[in-house]
Amino acid sequence: MSSNLNTLPRSGSIRRSTSSALSRLGVSAALGGVLLATVSLVNAVAATEVAAGNEAAVAALVAWSFGVATAALATTKLGVAIVLWGIVGRIRARVETMTSVLPRLINPSQESVPAGGTHVRTPFGPADVTRHPPTELAIHRASRLLWAPMLGMGAMAVYAGLVLSVIQSSTVATDATAARALGAWVQGIQFLGEGMLLGGISFLLGTILAGLRGGGAEVQAHLERPVHTLQMPLTAKLFIGLMALGVIVEMAQFGLYAYASTLAGDPSFAILATWLGPLREFGLGLLLSGIVLALATIARVLGFQFHRVTGLIGRPASNEVTS
């Protein structure tokens, strides 16, 4: 067995039953997020009922409703992350199955590769051809190491902000300036957490890409065939850039909200609050766009691997050109 087995994600040893359990847990977390969102919606309806007679009560309800709604989004994101964690284990099972089944299906081949390696053009982009599995990419190593800490810190930040929103709601009637300062902290902390959660999901997708790349190379090496590895497509490069930029924007908005909290009694507070909201959403948009590109990359890699497997079972595709 190729030494590349050890480079697959540690969670790759998850059994099929555990993967199914993680999927169920992820769905439950998503439903929990919907429940929290429903609580926030009911609270908003309640706020409209008391709006005419008690503005302080409305402000208090709105304060903690914001915290609950943001926590609902975070809980749903955790559900997504848990399901993706289960998929990582499925990839390990897929590699093991293909390693045991493909030797009985492949046709004899005269495939060879020069000692220095070569390249081929495929319908899914250029691919490297080597004698041995390629070394793991730095982004894949970083993804395996960082997805869990990012998710953990993101969840803690969002739920800490939820607690602060409850404290804020209790100060609205007694100290408006303190309430505005706490509101700035709530928004900065919670959206930093949201950004970190999306960053953790991005790193989980990077871990899935690492498993696909390493597992595909492992299977080919086990079959004693030249190892075809898809070169990093443009979508993957853009994914990395958007993920990094999105996390930076979310860290910046946190720092600016912290600064805004010191201006709670100043008219400039309203000016800062006006554009800090769109800024934090812009950061989340960058992260979500990166996730879309990561999913597109996964689709391309899966297509490439199917193309390679069909080439091993039957005749190599005629449109595959060596360079």
C-alpha atoms as a PDB file:
ATOM      1  CA  MET A   1       0.000   0.000   0.000  1.00  0.00           C
ATOM      2  CA  SER A   2       1.264   3.439  -0.845  1.00  0.00           C
ATOM      3  CA  SER A   3       2.678   5.602   1.918  1.00  0.00           C
ATOM      4  CA  ASN A   4       0.134   8.208   0.830  1.00  0.00           C
ATOM      5  CA  LEU A   5      -2.340   6.353   3.042  1.00  0.00           C
ATOM      6  CA  ASN A   6      -0.880   8.182   6.019  1.00  0.00           C
ATOM      7  CA  THR A   7      -1.422  11.586   4.443  1.00  0.00           C
ATOM      8  CA  LEU A   8      -5.187  11.224   4.301  1.00  0.00           C
ATOM      9  CA  PRO A   9      -7.175  13.087   6.954  1.00  0.00           C
ATOM     10  CA  ARG A  10      -7.130  11.579  10.418  1.00  0.00           C
ATOM     11  CA  SER A  11     -10.919  11.496  10.346  1.00  0.00           C
ATOM     12  CA  GLY A  12     -10.636   9.285   7.269  1.00  0.00           C
ATOM     13  CA  SER A  13     -10.771   6.255   9.553  1.00  0.00           C
ATOM     14  CA  ILE A  14     -14.418   7.034  10.396  1.00  0.00           C
ATOM     15  CA  ARG A  15     -16.531   3.943   9.785  1.00  0.00           C
ATOM     16  CA  ARG A  16     -19.601   3.950   7.564  1.00  0.00           C
ATOM     17  CA  SER A  17     -21.940   3.693  10.561  1.00  0.00           C
ATOM     18  CA  THR A  18     -20.221   6.670  12.184  1.00  0.00           C
ATOM     19  CA  SER A  19     -20.538   8.665   8.964  1.00  0.00           C
ATOM     20  CA  SER A  20     -24.274   7.987   8.949  1.00  0.00           C
ATOM     21  CA  ALA A  21     -24.501   9.042  12.587  1.00  0.00           C
ATOM     22  CA  LEU A  22     -22.686  12.273  11.768  1.00  0.00           C
ATOM     23  CA  SER A  23     -25.133  12.932   8.945  1.00  0.00           C
ATOM     24  CA  ARG A  24     -28.060  12.497  11.327  1.00  0.00           C
ATOM     25  CA  LEU A  25     -26.385  14.747  13.887  1.00  0.00           C
ATOM     26  CA  GLY A  26     -25.788  17.389  11.225  1.00  0.00           C
ATOM     27  CA  VAL A  27     -29.431  17.324  10.171  1.00  0.00           C
ATOM     28  CA  SER A  28     -30.460  17.639  13.827  1.00  0.00           C
ATOM     29  CA  ALA A  29     -28.190  20.667  14.244  1.00  0.00           C
ATOM     30  CA  ALA A  30     -29.731  22.241  11.132  1.00  0.00           C
ATOM     31  CA  LEU A  31     -33.207  21.680  12.562  1.00  0.00           C
ATOM     32  CA  GLY A  32     -32.026  23.259  15.806  1.00  0.00           C
ATOM     33  CA  GLY A  33     -30.970  26.298  13.802  1.00  0.00           C
ATOM     34  CA  VAL A  34     -34.435  26.481  12.241  1.00  0.00           C
ATOM     35  CA  LEU A  35     -35.960  26.295  15.728  1.00  0.00           C
ATOM     36  CA  LEU A  36     -33.820  29.195  16.941  1.00  0.00           C
ATOM     37  CA  ALA A  37     -34.733  31.194  13.850  1.00  0.00           C
ATOM     38  CA  THR A  38     -38.399  30.534  14.604  1.00  0.00           C
ATOM     39  CA  VAL A  39     -37.904  31.839  18.150  1.00  0.00           C
ATOM     40  CA  SER A  40     -36.368  35.002  16.705  1.00  0.00           C
ATOM     41  CA  LEU A  41     -39.279  35.406  14.286  1.00  0.00           C
ATOM     42  CA  VAL A  42     -41.881  34.974  17.037  1.00  0.00           C
ATOM     43  CA  ASN A  43     -39.959  37.501  19.122  1.00  0.00           C
ATOM     44  CA  ALA A  44     -40.050  40.000  16.228  1.00  0.00           C
ATOM     45  CA  VAL A  45     -43.818  39.561  15.947  1.00  0.00           C
ATOM     46  CA  ALA A  46     -44.118  40.132  19.690  1.00  0.00           C
ATOM     47  CA  ALA A  47     -42.053  43.309  19.342  1.00  0.00           C
ATOM     48  CA  THR A  48     -44.526  44.731  16.831  1.00  0.00           C
ATOM     49  CA  GLU A  49     -47.362  44.070  19.267  1.00  0.00           C
ATOM     50  CA  VAL A  50     -45.812  46.270  21.978  1.00  0.00           C
ATOM     51  CA  ALA A  51     -44.293  48.884  19.666  1.00  0.00           C
ATOM     52  CA  ALA A  52     -46.993  51.460  20.190  1.00  0.00           C
ATOM     53  CA  GLY A  53     -46.814  51.626  23.944  1.00  0.00           C
ATOM     54  CA  ASN A  54     -43.312  50.664  25.110  1.00  0.00           C
ATOM     55  CA  GLU A  55     -40.353  51.598  22.961  1.00  0.00           C
ATOM     56  CA  ALA A  56     -37.818  50.471  25.574  1.00  0.00           C
ATOM     57  CA  ALA A  57     -39.367  47.006  25.621  1.00  0.00           C
ATOM     58  CA  VAL A  58     -39.202  46.864  21.838  1.00  0.00           C
ATOM     59  CA  ALA A  59     -35.515  47.803  21.848  1.00  0.00           C
ATOM     60  CA  ALA A  60     -34.807  45.126  24.449  1.00  0.00           C
ATOM     61  CA  LEU A  61     -36.633  42.479  22.404  1.00  0.00           C
ATOM     62  CA  VAL A  62     -34.802  43.520  19.228  1.00  0.00           C
ATOM     63  CA  ALA A  63     -31.449  43.341  21.039  1.00  0.00           C
ATOM     64  CA  TRP A  64     -31.650  39.713  22.071  1.00  0.00           C
ATOM     65  CA  SER A  65     -33.582  38.741  18.952  1.00  0.00           C
ATOM     66  CA  PHE A  66     -30.538  39.746  16.884  1.00  0.00           C
ATOM     67  CA  GLY A  67     -28.350  37.471  18.994  1.00  0.00           C
ATOM     68  CA  VAL A  68     -30.765  34.561  18.635  1.00  0.00           C
ATOM     69  CA  ALA A  69     -31.104  34.987  14.865  1.00  0.00           C
ATOM     70  CA  THR A  70     -27.329  35.072  14.386  1.00  0.00           C
ATOM     71  CA  ALA A  71     -26.940  32.019  16.638  1.00  0.00           C
ATOM     72  CA  ALA A  72     -29.540  30.245  14.479  1.00  0.00           C
ATOM     73  CA  LEU A  73     -27.391  30.798  11.392  1.00  0.00           C
ATOM     74  CA  ALA A  74     -24.347  29.533  13.266  1.00  0.00           C
ATOM     75  CA  THR A  75     -26.144  26.399  14.431  1.00  0.00           C
ATOM     76  CA  THR A  76     -27.183  25.620  10.863  1.00  0.00           C
ATOM     77  CA  LYS A  77     -23.594  26.115   9.687  1.00  0.00           C
ATOM     78  CA  LEU A  78     -22.452  23.654  12.357  1.00  0.00           C
ATOM     79  CA  GLY A  79     -24.914  21.164  10.884  1.00  0.00           C
ATOM     80  CA  VAL A  80     -23.312  21.648   7.475  1.00  0.00           C
ATOM     81  CA  ALA A  81     -19.858  21.130   8.975  1.00  0.00           C
ATOM     82  CA  ILE A  82     -20.879  17.926  10.763  1.00  0.00           C
ATOM     83  CA  VAL A  83     -22.286  16.448   7.549  1.00  0.00           C
ATOM     84  CA  LEU A  84     -19.076  17.362   5.702  1.00  0.00           C
ATOM     85  CA  TRP A  85     -17.063  15.656   8.445  1.00  0.00           C
ATOM     86  CA  GLY A  86     -19.023  12.497   7.755  1.00  0.00           C
ATOM     87  CA  ILE A  87     -18.259  12.841   4.029  1.00  0.00           C
ATOM     88  CA  VAL A  88     -14.542  12.810   4.832  1.00  0.00           C
ATOM     89  CA  GLY A  89     -15.036   9.349   6.321  1.00  0.00           C
ATOM     90  CA  ARG A  90     -16.978   8.239   3.256  1.00  0.00           C
ATOM     91  CA  ILE A  91     -14.001   9.166   1.089  1.00  0.00           C
ATOM     92  CA  ARG A  92     -11.794   6.819   3.096  1.00  0.00           C
ATOM     93  CA  ALA A  93     -14.323   4.014   2.600  1.00  0.00           C
ATOM     94  CA  ARG A  94     -14.457   4.831  -1.127  1.00  0.00           C
ATOM     95  CA  VAL A  95     -10.686   4.510  -1.431  1.00  0.00           C
ATOM     96  CA  GLU A  96     -10.678   1.175   0.378  1.00  0.00           C
ATOM     97  CA  THR A  97     -13.470  -0.174  -1.840  1.00  0.00           C
ATOM     98  CA  MET A  98     -11.827   0.914  -5.084  1.00  0.00           C
ATOM     99  CA  THR A  99      -8.485  -0.485  -3.979  1.00  0.00           C
ATOM    100  CA  SER A 100     -10.040  -3.913  -3.412  1.00  0.00           C
ATOM    101  CA  VAL A 101     -12.388  -3.974  -6.427  1.00  0.00           C
ATOM    102  CA  LEU A 102     -10.476  -2.330  -9.279  1.00  0.00           C
ATOM    103  CA  PRO A 103      -7.736  -4.997  -9.583  1.00  0.00           C
ATOM    104  CA  ARG A 104     -10.448  -7.437 -10.718  1.00  0.00           C
ATOM    105  CA  LEU A 105     -11.781  -5.027 -13.342  1.00  0.00           C
ATOM    106  CA  ILE A 106      -8.862  -3.288 -15.023  1.00  0.00           C
ATOM    107  CA  ASN A 107      -7.469  -4.442 -18.345  1.00  0.00           C
ATOM    108  CA  PRO A 108      -3.801  -5.148 -18.995  1.00  0.00           C
ATOM    109  CA  SER A 109      -2.026  -1.947 -19.920  1.00  0.00           C
ATOM    110  CA  GLN A 110       1.269  -0.834 -21.363  1.00  0.00           C
ATOM    111  CA  GLU A 111       1.090   2.515 -19.563  1.00  0.00           C
ATOM    112  CA  SER A 112       4.470   3.867 -18.595  1.00  0.00           C
ATOM    113  CA  VAL A 113       5.851   7.149 -17.390  1.00  0.00           C
ATOM    114  CA  PRO A 114       9.349   8.644 -17.710  1.00  0.00           C
ATOM    115  CA  ALA A 115      11.408   8.912 -14.552  1.00  0.00           C
ATOM    116  CA  GLY A 116      10.945  12.675 -14.529  1.00  0.00           C
ATOM    117  CA  GLY A 117       7.173  12.505 -14.981  1.00  0.00           C
ATOM    118  CA  THR A 118       5.028  14.020 -17.691  1.00  0.00           C
ATOM    119  CA  HIS A 119       1.702  15.771 -18.286  1.00  0.00           C
ATOM    120  CA  VAL A 120      -1.535  14.946 -20.060  1.00  0.00           C
ATOM    121  CA  ARG A 121      -4.479  17.072 -21.135  1.00  0.00           C
ATOM    122  CA  THR A 122      -7.847  15.712 -20.078  1.00  0.00           C
ATOM    123  CA  PRO A 123     -11.435  16.972 -20.491  1.00  0.00           C
ATOM    124  CA  PHE A 124     -11.156  18.264 -16.915  1.00  0.00           C
ATOM    125  CA  GLY A 125      -7.857  20.113 -17.298  1.00  0.00           C
ATOM    126  CA  PRO A 126      -4.143  19.267 -17.324  1.00  0.00           C
ATOM    127  CA  ALA A 127      -2.932  16.434 -15.105  1.00  0.00           C
ATOM    128  CA  ASP A 128       0.497  15.390 -13.884  1.00  0.00           C
ATOM    129  CA  VAL A 129       1.639  11.820 -14.503  1.00  0.00           C
ATOM    130  CA  THR A 130       4.174  10.437 -12.037  1.00  0.00           C
ATOM    131  CA  ARG A 131       5.496   7.083 -10.907  1.00  0.00           C
ATOM    132  CA  HIS A 132       4.512   7.676  -7.283  1.00  0.00           C
ATOM    133  CA  PRO A 133       1.754   9.601  -5.489  1.00  0.00           C
ATOM    134  CA  PRO A 134       2.536  13.330  -5.323  1.00  0.00           C
ATOM    135  CA  THR A 135       3.355  15.066  -2.083  1.00  0.00           C
ATOM    136  CA  GLU A 136       0.501  16.674  -0.215  1.00  0.00           C
ATOM    137  CA  LEU A 137      -0.165  20.353  -0.908  1.00  0.00           C
ATOM    138  CA  ALA A 138       0.348  22.935   1.846  1.00  0.00           C
ATOM    139  CA  ILE A 139      -3.301  24.030   1.695  1.00  0.00           C
ATOM    140  CA  HIS A 140      -4.402  20.446   2.291  1.00  0.00           C
ATOM    141  CA  ARG A 141      -2.162  20.109   5.350  1.00  0.00           C
ATOM    142  CA  ALA A 142      -3.452  23.421   6.674  1.00  0.00           C
ATOM    143  CA  SER A 143      -7.053  22.348   6.051  1.00  0.00           C
ATOM    144  CA  ARG A 144      -6.664  19.177   8.120  1.00  0.00           C
ATOM    145  CA  LEU A 145      -5.097  21.103  10.987  1.00  0.00           C
ATOM    146  CA  LEU A 146      -7.375  24.144  11.067  1.00  0.00           C
ATOM    147  CA  TRP A 147     -10.939  23.068  10.311  1.00  0.00           C
ATOM    148  CA  ALA A 148     -11.716  21.905  13.856  1.00  0.00           C
ATOM    149  CA  PRO A 149     -10.166  24.914  15.686  1.00  0.00           C
ATOM    150  CA  MET A 150     -11.923  27.326  13.316  1.00  0.00           C
ATOM    151  CA  LEU A 151     -15.296  25.698  13.900  1.00  0.00           C
ATOM    152  CA  GLY A 152     -14.770  25.558  17.664  1.00  0.00           C
ATOM    153  CA  MET A 153     -13.686  29.184  18.006  1.00  0.00           C
ATOM    154  CA  GLY A 154     -16.431  30.335  15.651  1.00  0.00           C
ATOM    155  CA  ALA A 155     -19.149  28.598  17.654  1.00  0.00           C
ATOM    156  CA  MET A 156     -17.803  29.991  20.938  1.00  0.00           C
ATOM    157  CA  ALA A 157     -17.733  33.530  19.512  1.00  0.00           C
ATOM    158  CA  VAL A 158     -21.310  33.361  18.220  1.00  0.00           C
ATOM    159  CA  TYR A 159     -22.770  31.981  21.438  1.00  0.00           C
ATOM    160  CA  ALA A 160     -20.728  34.417  23.538  1.00  0.00           C
ATOM    161  CA  GLY A 161     -22.285  37.176  21.456  1.00  0.00           C
ATOM    162  CA  LEU A 162     -25.708  35.681  22.178  1.00  0.00           C
ATOM    163  CA  VAL A 163     -25.043  36.003  25.917  1.00  0.00           C
ATOM    164  CA  LEU A 164     -23.925  39.600  25.415  1.00  0.00           C
ATOM    165  CA  SER A 165     -27.125  40.343  23.476  1.00  0.00           C
ATOM    166  CA  VAL A 166     -29.167  39.191  26.480  1.00  0.00           C
ATOM    167  CA  ILE A 167     -27.099  41.461  28.734  1.00  0.00           C
ATOM    168  CA  GLN A 168     -27.568  44.299  26.241  1.00  0.00           C
ATOM    169  CA  SER A 169     -31.349  43.859  26.309  1.00  0.00           C
ATOM    170  CA  SER A 170     -31.321  44.353  30.077  1.00  0.00           C
ATOM    171  CA  THR A 171     -29.464  47.683  29.819  1.00  0.00           C
ATOM    172  CA  VAL A 172     -31.554  49.305  27.076  1.00  0.00           C
ATOM    173  CA  ALA A 173     -34.025  50.927  29.464  1.00  0.00           C
ATOM    174  CA  THR A 174     -31.432  52.089  32.010  1.00  0.00           C
ATOM    175  CA  ASP A 175     -28.354  53.102  29.998  1.00  0.00           C
ATOM    176  CA  ALA A 176     -28.761  53.705  26.259  1.00  0.00           C
ATOM    177  CA  THR A 177     -25.063  54.446  25.735  1.00  0.00           C
ATOM    178  CA  ALA A 178     -23.967  51.183  27.367  1.00  0.00           C
ATOM    179  CA  ALA A 179     -26.573  49.332  25.309  1.00  0.00           C
ATOM    180  CA  ARG A 180     -25.165  50.767  22.062  1.00  0.00           C
ATOM    181  CA  ALA A 181     -21.638  49.816  23.119  1.00  0.00           C
ATOM    182  CA  LEU A 182     -22.741  46.283  23.942  1.00  0.00           C
ATOM    183  CA  GLY A 183     -24.615  46.113  20.641  1.00  0.00           C
ATOM    184  CA  ALA A 184     -21.387  46.905  18.786  1.00  0.00           C
ATOM    185  CA  TRP A 185     -19.601  44.121  20.636  1.00  0.00           C
ATOM    186  CA  VAL A 186     -22.450  41.696  19.923  1.00  0.00           C
ATOM    187  CA  GLN A 187     -22.342  42.345  16.191  1.00  0.00           C
ATOM    188  CA  GLY A 188     -18.554  42.306  15.943  1.00  0.00           C
ATOM    189  CA  ILE A 189     -18.114  39.110  17.962  1.00  0.00           C
ATOM    190  CA  GLN A 190     -21.000  37.221  16.401  1.00  0.00           C
ATOM    191  CA  PHE A 191     -20.016  37.987  12.827  1.00  0.00           C
ATOM    192  CA  LEU A 192     -16.393  37.178  13.551  1.00  0.00           C
ATOM    193  CA  GLY A 193     -17.743  33.824  14.728  1.00  0.00           C
ATOM    194  CA  GLU A 194     -19.877  33.456  11.601  1.00  0.00           C
ATOM    195  CA  GLY A 195     -16.815  34.136   9.464  1.00  0.00           C
ATOM    196  CA  MET A 196     -14.769  31.581  11.376  1.00  0.00           C
ATOM    197  CA  LEU A 197     -17.529  28.998  10.981  1.00  0.00           C
ATOM    198  CA  LEU A 198     -17.536  29.530   7.218  1.00  0.00           C
ATOM    199  CA  GLY A 199     -13.742  29.380   7.327  1.00  0.00           C
ATOM    200  CA  GLY A 200     -13.969  26.033   9.124  1.00  0.00           C
ATOM    201  CA  ILE A 201     -16.416  24.760   6.500  1.00  0.00           C
ATOM    202  CA  SER A 202     -13.999  25.948   3.807  1.00  0.00           C
ATOM    203  CA  PHE A 203     -11.163  24.042   5.440  1.00  0.00           C
ATOM    204  CA  LEU A 204     -13.387  20.956   5.661  1.00  0.00           C
ATOM    205  CA  LEU A 205     -13.957  21.224   1.907  1.00  0.00           C
ATOM    206  CA  GLY A 206     -10.181  21.522   1.544  1.00  0.00           C
ATOM    207  CA  THR A 207      -9.861  18.343   3.607  1.00  0.00           C
ATOM    208  CA  ILE A 208     -12.301  16.600   1.267  1.00  0.00           C
ATOM    209  CA  LEU A 209     -10.229  17.728  -1.721  1.00  0.00           C
ATOM    210  CA  ALA A 210      -7.111  16.427   0.024  1.00  0.00           C
ATOM    211  CA  GLY A 211      -8.796  13.060   0.564  1.00  0.00           C
ATOM    212  CA  LEU A 212      -9.891  12.850  -3.069  1.00  0.00           C
ATOM    213  CA  ARG A 213      -6.466  13.798  -4.375  1.00  0.00           C
ATOM    214  CA  GLY A 214      -4.506  11.542  -2.025  1.00  0.00           C
ATOM    215  CA  GLY A 215      -6.988   8.674  -2.261  1.00  0.00           C
ATOM    216  CA  GLY A 216      -7.044   8.749  -6.062  1.00  0.00           C
ATOM    217  CA  ALA A 217      -3.265   8.666  -6.167  1.00  0.00           C
ATOM    218  CA  GLU A 218      -3.182   5.833  -3.637  1.00  0.00           C
ATOM    219  CA  VAL A 219      -5.540   3.680  -5.685  1.00  0.00           C
ATOM    220  CA  GLN A 220      -3.506   4.146  -8.870  1.00  0.00           C
ATOM    221  CA  ALA A 221      -0.249   3.372  -7.074  1.00  0.00           C
ATOM    222  CA  HIS A 222      -1.778   0.222  -5.567  1.00  0.00           C
ATOM    223  CA  LEU A 223      -2.663  -0.895  -9.086  1.00  0.00           C
ATOM    224  CA  GLU A 224       0.965  -0.272 -10.101  1.00  0.00           C
ATOM    225  CA  ARG A 225      -0.120   2.185 -12.781  1.00  0.00           C
ATOM    226  CA  PRO A 226       1.157   5.681 -13.524  1.00  0.00           C
ATOM    227  CA  VAL A 227      -0.416   8.113 -11.095  1.00  0.00           C
ATOM    228  CA  HIS A 228      -2.533  10.766 -12.825  1.00  0.00           C
ATOM    229  CA  THR A 229      -3.178  13.803 -10.609  1.00  0.00           C
ATOM    230  CA  LEU A 230      -5.256  16.754 -11.733  1.00  0.00           C
ATOM    231  CA  GLN A 231      -3.361  20.021 -11.521  1.00  0.00           C
ATOM    232  CA  MET A 232      -4.895  22.630  -9.247  1.00  0.00           C
ATOM    233  CA  PRO A 233      -7.665  24.268 -11.301  1.00  0.00           C
ATOM    234  CA  LEU A 234      -8.373  27.984 -11.304  1.00  0.00           C
ATOM    235  CA  THR A 235     -11.492  27.457  -9.181  1.00  0.00           C
ATOM    236  CA  ALA A 236      -9.345  25.992  -6.395  1.00  0.00           C
ATOM    237  CA  LYS A 237      -6.895  28.902  -6.508  1.00  0.00           C
ATOM    238  CA  LEU A 238      -9.732  31.424  -6.376  1.00  0.00           C
ATOM    239  CA  PHE A 239     -11.321  29.458  -3.531  1.00  0.00           C
ATOM    240  CA  ILE A 240      -8.163  29.825  -1.431  1.00  0.00           C
ATOM    241  CA  GLY A 241      -7.928  33.541  -2.157  1.00  0.00           C
ATOM    242  CA  LEU A 242     -11.579  34.287  -1.399  1.00  0.00           C
ATOM    243  CA  MET A 243     -11.463  32.259   1.815  1.00  0.00           C
ATOM    244  CA  ALA A 244      -8.399  34.137   3.069  1.00  0.00           C
ATOM    245  CA  LEU A 245      -9.808  37.531   2.075  1.00  0.00           C
ATOM    246  CA  GLY A 246     -13.178  36.770   3.665  1.00  0.00           C
ATOM    247  CA  VAL A 247     -11.594  35.815   7.000  1.00  0.00           C
ATOM    248  CA  ILE A 248      -9.476  38.991   6.924  1.00  0.00           C
ATOM    249  CA  VAL A 249     -12.571  41.147   6.310  1.00  0.00           C
ATOM    250  CA  GLU A 250     -14.393  39.507   9.219  1.00  0.00           C
ATOM    251  CA  MET A 251     -11.415  40.124  11.514  1.00  0.00           C
ATOM    252  CA  ALA A 252     -11.318  43.750  10.339  1.00  0.00           C
ATOM    253  CA  GLN A 253     -15.021  44.297  11.017  1.00  0.00           C
ATOM    254  CA  PHE A 254     -14.532  42.900  14.525  1.00  0.00           C
ATOM    255  CA  GLY A 255     -11.751  45.399  15.199  1.00  0.00           C
ATOM    256  CA  LEU A 256     -13.839  48.263  13.822  1.00  0.00           C
ATOM    257  CA  TYR A 257     -16.864  47.276  15.890  1.00  0.00           C
ATOM    258  CA  ALA A 258     -14.628  47.176  18.967  1.00  0.00           C
ATOM    259  CA  TYR A 259     -13.504  50.703  18.118  1.00  0.00           C
ATOM    260  CA  ALA A 260     -17.101  51.783  17.501  1.00  0.00           C
ATOM    261  CA  SER A 261     -18.040  50.595  20.997  1.00  0.00           C
ATOM    262  CA  THR A 262     -15.793  53.338  22.416  1.00  0.00           C
ATOM    263  CA  LEU A 263     -17.812  55.933  20.482  1.00  0.00           C
ATOM    264  CA  ALA A 264     -21.228  54.805  21.696  1.00  0.00           C
ATOM    265  CA  GLY A 265     -22.019  58.268  23.057  1.00  0.00           C
ATOM    266  CA  ASP A 266     -20.680  60.115  20.020  1.00  0.00           C
ATOM    267  CA  PRO A 267     -22.607  61.012  16.817  1.00  0.00           C
ATOM    268  CA  SER A 268     -19.891  59.307  14.744  1.00  0.00           C
ATOM    269  CA  PHE A 269     -21.118  55.966  16.112  1.00  0.00           C
ATOM    270  CA  ALA A 270     -24.114  56.064  13.767  1.00  0.00           C
ATOM    271  CA  ILE A 271     -21.846  56.760  10.789  1.00  0.00           C
ATOM    272  CA  LEU A 272     -19.644  53.765  11.584  1.00  0.00           C
ATOM    273  CA  ALA A 273     -22.647  51.520  12.165  1.00  0.00           C
ATOM    274  CA  THR A 274     -24.063  52.486   8.768  1.00  0.00           C
ATOM    275  CA  TRP A 275     -21.237  50.917   6.756  1.00  0.00           C
ATOM    276  CA  LEU A 276     -19.976  48.270   9.170  1.00  0.00           C
ATOM    277  CA  GLY A 277     -23.111  46.187   8.530  1.00  0.00           C
ATOM    278  CA  PRO A 278     -22.483  45.923   4.759  1.00  0.00           C
ATOM    279  CA  LEU A 279     -18.780  45.297   5.432  1.00  0.00           C
ATOM    280  CA  ARG A 280     -19.427  42.250   7.600  1.00  0.00           C
ATOM    281  CA  GLU A 281     -21.896  40.898   5.034  1.00  0.00           C
ATOM    282  CA  PHE A 282     -19.324  41.474   2.290  1.00  0.00           C
ATOM    283  CA  GLY A 283     -16.861  39.287   4.204  1.00  0.00           C
ATOM    284  CA  LEU A 284     -19.427  36.509   4.529  1.00  0.00           C
ATOM    285  CA  GLY A 285     -20.185  36.860   0.817  1.00  0.00           C
ATOM    286  CA  LEU A 286     -16.520  36.334  -0.024  1.00  0.00           C
ATOM    287  CA  LEU A 287     -16.407  33.193   2.111  1.00  0.00           C
ATOM    288  CA  LEU A 288     -19.603  31.819   0.606  1.00  0.00           C
ATOM    289  CA  SER A 289     -18.323  32.525  -2.921  1.00  0.00           C
ATOM    290  CA  GLY A 290     -15.165  30.609  -2.052  1.00  0.00           C
ATOM    291  CA  ILE A 291     -17.267  27.687  -0.822  1.00  0.00           C
ATOM    292  CA  VAL A 292     -19.147  27.646  -4.139  1.00  0.00           C
ATOM    293  CA  LEU A 293     -15.807  27.470  -5.983  1.00  0.00           C
ATOM    294  CA  ALA A 294     -14.613  24.683  -3.664  1.00  0.00           C
ATOM    295  CA  LEU A 295     -17.733  22.665  -4.484  1.00  0.00           C
ATOM    296  CA  ALA A 296     -17.135  23.295  -8.187  1.00  0.00           C
ATOM    297  CA  THR A 297     -13.570  22.026  -7.735  1.00  0.00           C
ATOM    298  CA  ILE A 298     -14.815  18.876  -5.987  1.00  0.00           C
ATOM    299  CA  ALA A 299     -17.168  18.248  -8.911  1.00  0.00           C
ATOM    300  CA  ARG A 300     -14.266  18.646 -11.356  1.00  0.00           C
ATOM    301  CA  VAL A 301     -12.032  16.289  -9.370  1.00  0.00           C
ATOM    302  CA  LEU A 302     -14.757  13.647  -9.181  1.00  0.00           C
ATOM    303  CA  GLY A 303     -15.263  13.919 -12.933  1.00  0.00           C
ATOM    304  CA  PHE A 304     -11.546  13.568 -13.531  1.00  0.00           C
ATOM    305  CA  GLN A 305     -11.321  10.499 -11.304  1.00  0.00           C
ATOM    306  CA  PHE A 306     -14.254   8.851 -13.074  1.00  0.00           C
ATOM    307  CA  HIS A 307     -12.509   9.612 -16.370  1.00  0.00           C
ATOM    308  CA  ARG A 308      -9.338   7.975 -15.069  1.00  0.00           C
ATOM    309  CA  VAL A 309     -11.153   4.887 -13.734  1.00  0.00           C
ATOM    310  CA  THR A 310     -12.957   4.326 -17.020  1.00  0.00           C
ATOM    311  CA  GLY A 311      -9.604   4.624 -18.756  1.00  0.00           C
ATOM    312  CA  LEU A 312      -8.166   1.923 -16.492  1.00  0.00           C
ATOM    313  CA  ILE A 313     -11.135  -0.389 -17.028  1.00  0.00           C
ATOM    314  CA  GLY A 314     -11.450   0.182 -20.769  1.00  0.00           C
ATOM    315  CA  ARG A 315      -9.362   1.942 -23.361  1.00  0.00           C
ATOM    316  CA  PRO A 316      -7.712   5.262 -22.466  1.00  0.00           C
ATOM    317  CA  ALA A 317      -9.669   8.237 -23.785  1.00  0.00           C
ATOM    318  CA  SER A 318      -8.571   9.365 -27.226  1.00  0.00           C
ATOM    319  CA  ASN A 319      -8.690  13.023 -26.199  1.00  0.00           C
ATOM    320  CA  GLU A 320      -6.018  12.535 -23.545  1.00  0.00           C
ATOM    321  CA  VAL A 321      -2.830  14.058 -24.974  1.00  0.00           C
ATOM    322  CA  THR A 322       0.629  13.550 -23.507  1.00  0.00           C
ATOM    323  CA  SER A 323       2.936  16.547 -23.267  1.00  0.00           C
END
